[in-house]
Amino acid sequence: MAETIKVTLVKSGIGKNKKIRQTLRGLGLTKLNKTVELENTQAIRGMIQKVSFLVRIG
């Protein structure tokens, strides 16, 4: 398994519920097209799964 995961925000969190917006912020995704490299852990993968319709992985 890879040590890190690259995640890019491709769709805005505006208009989404508070939990979704907080999850994006927790992942460090604050602006469109921002890419962050995150540690590959169970918690991070769960957060990515919650916002999978807003992000691109890879």
C-alpha atoms as a PDB file:
ATOM      1  CA  MET A   1       0.000   0.000   0.000  1.00  0.00           C
ATOM      2  CA  ALA A   2       1.251   3.494  -0.802  1.00  0.00           C
ATOM      3  CA  GLU A   3       2.517   5.669   2.033  1.00  0.00           C
ATOM      4  CA  THR A   4       0.573   8.743   0.880  1.00  0.00           C
ATOM      5  CA  ILE A   5      -2.559   9.596  -1.094  1.00  0.00           C
ATOM      6  CA  LYS A   6      -2.948  12.656  -3.336  1.00  0.00           C
ATOM      7  CA  VAL A   7      -6.400  14.222  -3.154  1.00  0.00           C
ATOM      8  CA  THR A   8      -7.663  17.154  -5.264  1.00  0.00           C
ATOM      9  CA  LEU A   9     -10.822  19.166  -4.618  1.00  0.00           C
ATOM     10  CA  VAL A  10     -12.712  19.330  -7.934  1.00  0.00           C
ATOM     11  CA  LYS A  11     -16.162  20.443  -6.769  1.00  0.00           C
ATOM     12  CA  SER A  12     -17.077  23.096  -4.200  1.00  0.00           C
ATOM     13  CA  GLY A  13     -18.415  22.332  -0.735  1.00  0.00           C
ATOM     14  CA  ILE A  14     -20.720  25.372  -0.860  1.00  0.00           C
ATOM     15  CA  GLY A  15     -24.319  24.368  -0.207  1.00  0.00           C
ATOM     16  CA  LYS A  16     -23.319  21.027   1.300  1.00  0.00           C
ATOM     17  CA  ASN A  17     -24.090  20.169   4.912  1.00  0.00           C
ATOM     18  CA  LYS A  18     -21.780  21.191   7.746  1.00  0.00           C
ATOM     19  CA  LYS A  19     -20.230  17.737   8.232  1.00  0.00           C
ATOM     20  CA  ILE A  20     -19.122  17.582   4.585  1.00  0.00           C
ATOM     21  CA  ARG A  21     -17.558  21.065   4.790  1.00  0.00           C
ATOM     22  CA  GLN A  22     -15.784  20.165   8.033  1.00  0.00           C
ATOM     23  CA  THR A  23     -14.446  16.953   6.492  1.00  0.00           C
ATOM     24  CA  LEU A  24     -13.012  18.898   3.545  1.00  0.00           C
ATOM     25  CA  ARG A  25     -11.380  21.337   5.965  1.00  0.00           C
ATOM     26  CA  GLY A  26      -9.990  18.421   8.005  1.00  0.00           C
ATOM     27  CA  LEU A  27      -8.399  17.041   4.847  1.00  0.00           C
ATOM     28  CA  GLY A  28      -6.839  20.452   4.154  1.00  0.00           C
ATOM     29  CA  LEU A  29      -8.943  21.074   1.058  1.00  0.00           C
ATOM     30  CA  THR A  30      -9.957  24.732   1.232  1.00  0.00           C
ATOM     31  CA  LYS A  31      -9.948  25.898  -2.410  1.00  0.00           C
ATOM     32  CA  LEU A  32     -10.917  24.372  -5.739  1.00  0.00           C
ATOM     33  CA  ASN A  33      -8.155  22.447  -7.529  1.00  0.00           C
ATOM     34  CA  LYS A  34      -6.034  22.361  -4.381  1.00  0.00           C
ATOM     35  CA  THR A  35      -4.082  19.125  -4.097  1.00  0.00           C
ATOM     36  CA  VAL A  36      -2.881  17.735  -0.789  1.00  0.00           C
ATOM     37  CA  GLU A  37      -0.765  14.689  -0.056  1.00  0.00           C
ATOM     38  CA  LEU A  38      -2.106  12.812   2.959  1.00  0.00           C
ATOM     39  CA  GLU A  39      -0.912   9.859   4.999  1.00  0.00           C
ATOM     40  CA  ASN A  40      -2.599   6.608   3.973  1.00  0.00           C
ATOM     41  CA  THR A  41      -4.484   5.654   7.148  1.00  0.00           C
ATOM     42  CA  GLN A  42      -7.903   4.199   7.879  1.00  0.00           C
ATOM     43  CA  ALA A  43      -9.146   7.557   9.206  1.00  0.00           C
ATOM     44  CA  ILE A  44      -8.012   9.507   6.137  1.00  0.00           C
ATOM     45  CA  ARG A  45      -9.485   6.910   3.754  1.00  0.00           C
ATOM     46  CA  GLY A  46     -12.807   7.145   5.620  1.00  0.00           C
ATOM     47  CA  MET A  47     -12.807  10.936   5.319  1.00  0.00           C
ATOM     48  CA  ILE A  48     -12.054  10.694   1.594  1.00  0.00           C
ATOM     49  CA  GLN A  49     -14.893   8.203   1.160  1.00  0.00           C
ATOM     50  CA  LYS A  50     -17.346  10.668   2.779  1.00  0.00           C
ATOM     51  CA  VAL A  51     -16.457  13.409   0.273  1.00  0.00           C
ATOM     52  CA  SER A  52     -15.674  11.187  -2.731  1.00  0.00           C
ATOM     53  CA  PHE A  53     -18.230  13.014  -4.895  1.00  0.00           C
ATOM     54  CA  LEU A  54     -16.241  16.265  -4.482  1.00  0.00           C
ATOM     55  CA  VAL A  55     -12.658  15.039  -4.857  1.00  0.00           C
ATOM     56  CA  ARG A  56     -10.347  13.239  -7.276  1.00  0.00           C
ATOM     57  CA  ILE A  57      -7.785  10.758  -5.956  1.00  0.00           C
ATOM     58  CA  GLY A  58      -4.466  10.210  -7.575  1.00  0.00           C
END
